């Protein structure tokens, strides 16, 4: 019996347009990485209809906190000259994909000093991107 090999179906993360970096698992996130978090947002229009869209938040991972199912990551970006930080639970069901853009060489687990310190981080080469 000859069975035709079918390519695996694309997951929701792979079918997103505009993903250029490497898709990583939430367990692979480390401090010092510049990531793009693709999050599914539900909005209610003026007519009362529910609309879903994907919002992308790109920034530097400052720290990881907690363990197990309650583990969170703090992501910081500069938006119009103002620092914006967002805390994402790693197991949040609305997170569709985490895309790795850059990876820096850091020696700390918590990078809180980067809030006031404006030194550039040394980049590390990402394989497979």
Protein backbone atom coordinates (compact mmCIF):
# COMPACT_ATOMS: atom_id res chain seq x y z
CA UNK A 1 0.00 0.00 0.00
CA UNK A 2 1.43 3.31 -1.01
CA UNK A 3 0.47 6.22 1.16
CA UNK A 4 1.16 9.72 0.01
CA UNK A 5 3.11 11.79 2.46
CA UNK A 6 1.20 14.89 3.44
CA UNK A 7 3.04 17.94 4.73
CA UNK A 8 2.13 18.70 8.34
CA UNK A 9 -0.61 21.26 8.76
CA UNK A 10 0.56 24.70 9.73
CA UNK A 11 -0.12 25.75 13.27
CA UNK A 12 -1.67 29.12 13.99
CA UNK A 13 1.76 30.55 14.84
CA UNK A 14 3.29 29.41 11.56
CA UNK A 15 0.42 30.72 9.48
CA UNK A 16 0.88 34.28 10.78
CA UNK A 17 2.18 36.68 8.21
CA UNK A 18 5.14 38.87 9.00
CA UNK A 19 7.08 36.41 11.16
CA UNK A 20 10.70 36.69 10.10
CA UNK A 21 12.54 35.51 13.21
CA UNK A 22 12.78 32.13 14.88
CA UNK A 23 9.67 30.89 16.71
CA UNK A 24 10.62 29.73 20.20
CA UNK A 25 8.77 27.90 22.94
CA UNK A 26 7.90 29.76 26.15
CA UNK A 27 10.36 27.53 28.03
CA UNK A 28 13.21 28.79 25.80
CA UNK A 29 12.78 32.47 26.73
CA UNK A 30 15.79 33.97 28.58
CA UNK A 31 16.62 37.42 29.88
CA UNK A 32 18.56 39.52 27.39
CA UNK A 33 16.59 38.31 24.37
CA UNK A 34 14.73 40.72 22.12
CA UNK A 35 11.45 39.02 21.32
CA UNK A 36 8.14 39.73 19.62
CA UNK A 37 5.11 38.42 21.51
CA UNK A 38 2.10 37.76 19.25
CA UNK A 39 -1.02 37.98 21.41
CA UNK A 40 -4.62 37.38 20.35
CA UNK A 41 -6.84 40.31 21.40
CA UNK A 42 -10.65 40.28 21.40
CA UNK A 43 -12.32 43.64 20.82
CA UNK A 44 -15.94 44.75 20.72
CA UNK A 45 -16.77 47.06 17.82
CA UNK A 46 -19.19 49.99 18.02
CA UNK A 47 -21.91 47.76 16.56
CA UNK A 48 -21.40 45.22 19.34
CA UNK A 49 -19.62 42.60 17.22
CA UNK A 50 -16.62 40.76 18.64
CA UNK A 51 -13.49 41.05 16.54
CA UNK A 52 -10.21 39.16 17.00
CA UNK A 53 -6.84 40.48 15.99
CA UNK A 54 -3.22 39.75 16.79
CA UNK A 55 -1.25 42.41 18.64
CA UNK A 56 2.55 42.29 18.53
CA UNK A 57 4.66 43.59 21.43
CA UNK A 58 8.39 43.73 20.66
CA UNK A 59 10.93 44.37 23.39
CA UNK A 60 13.77 43.16 25.59
CA UNK A 61 13.16 40.46 28.20
CA UNK A 62 14.24 42.01 31.49
CA UNK A 63 13.46 39.14 33.82
CA UNK A 64 11.68 35.86 34.38
CA UNK A 65 9.81 35.30 37.64
CA UNK A 66 8.05 32.42 39.28
CA UNK A 67 8.09 28.77 38.35
CA UNK A 68 5.84 26.21 36.81
CA UNK A 69 2.48 27.34 35.53
CA UNK A 70 2.72 30.79 37.17
CA UNK A 71 6.01 31.77 35.48
CA UNK A 72 6.03 35.30 34.02
CA UNK A 73 8.33 37.38 31.82
CA UNK A 74 8.78 41.15 31.86
CA UNK A 75 9.26 42.66 28.40
CA UNK A 76 10.35 46.30 27.96
CA UNK A 77 10.26 48.50 24.88
CA UNK A 78 10.72 52.21 24.21
CA UNK A 79 7.61 53.72 22.62
CA UNK A 80 7.86 57.37 21.52
CA UNK A 81 10.65 58.02 24.03
CA UNK A 82 8.78 56.47 26.96
CA UNK A 83 9.66 53.07 28.41
CA UNK A 84 6.76 50.60 28.39
CA UNK A 85 6.91 47.33 30.31
CA UNK A 86 4.46 44.49 30.03
CA UNK A 87 4.34 41.36 32.17
CA UNK A 88 3.24 38.24 30.30
CA UNK A 89 2.45 34.90 31.95
CA UNK A 90 4.33 32.32 29.88
CA UNK A 91 1.35 29.95 29.84
CA UNK A 92 -1.14 32.59 28.70
CA UNK A 93 -3.51 30.92 26.21
CA UNK A 94 -3.87 34.13 24.16
CA UNK A 95 -0.14 34.14 23.29
CA UNK A 96 -0.05 32.74 19.76
CA UNK A 97 3.70 32.90 19.14
CA UNK A 98 6.96 34.15 20.61
CA UNK A 99 9.42 35.22 17.93
CA UNK A 100 13.13 35.61 18.72
CA UNK A 101 14.66 38.67 17.04
CA UNK A 102 18.04 39.11 18.79
CA UNK A 103 19.91 37.54 21.65
CA UNK A 104 22.37 39.47 23.81
CA UNK A 105 25.17 38.18 26.00
CA UNK A 106 24.19 39.04 29.58
CA UNK A 107 25.59 38.00 32.94
CA UNK A 108 22.52 38.68 35.05
CA UNK A 109 19.16 36.97 35.39
CA UNK A 110 17.39 40.24 36.25
CA UNK A 111 18.22 43.18 33.97
CA UNK A 112 16.50 45.93 35.95
CA UNK A 113 19.56 48.17 35.60
CA UNK A 114 18.74 48.59 31.89
CA UNK A 115 15.83 50.85 32.84
CA UNK A 116 18.30 53.69 33.52
CA UNK A 117 21.51 52.39 31.96
CA UNK A 118 21.72 53.07 28.22
CA UNK A 119 24.64 50.86 27.22
CA UNK A 120 24.18 48.59 24.22
CA UNK A 121 24.18 44.88 24.87
CA UNK A 122 26.59 42.66 22.94
CA UNK A 123 24.72 40.51 20.46
CA UNK A 124 25.05 36.77 20.23
CA UNK A 125 24.64 34.93 16.92
CA UNK A 126 21.31 33.11 16.61
CA UNK A 127 21.47 29.78 14.82
CA UNK A 128 18.60 28.67 12.65
CA UNK A 129 17.03 32.11 12.15
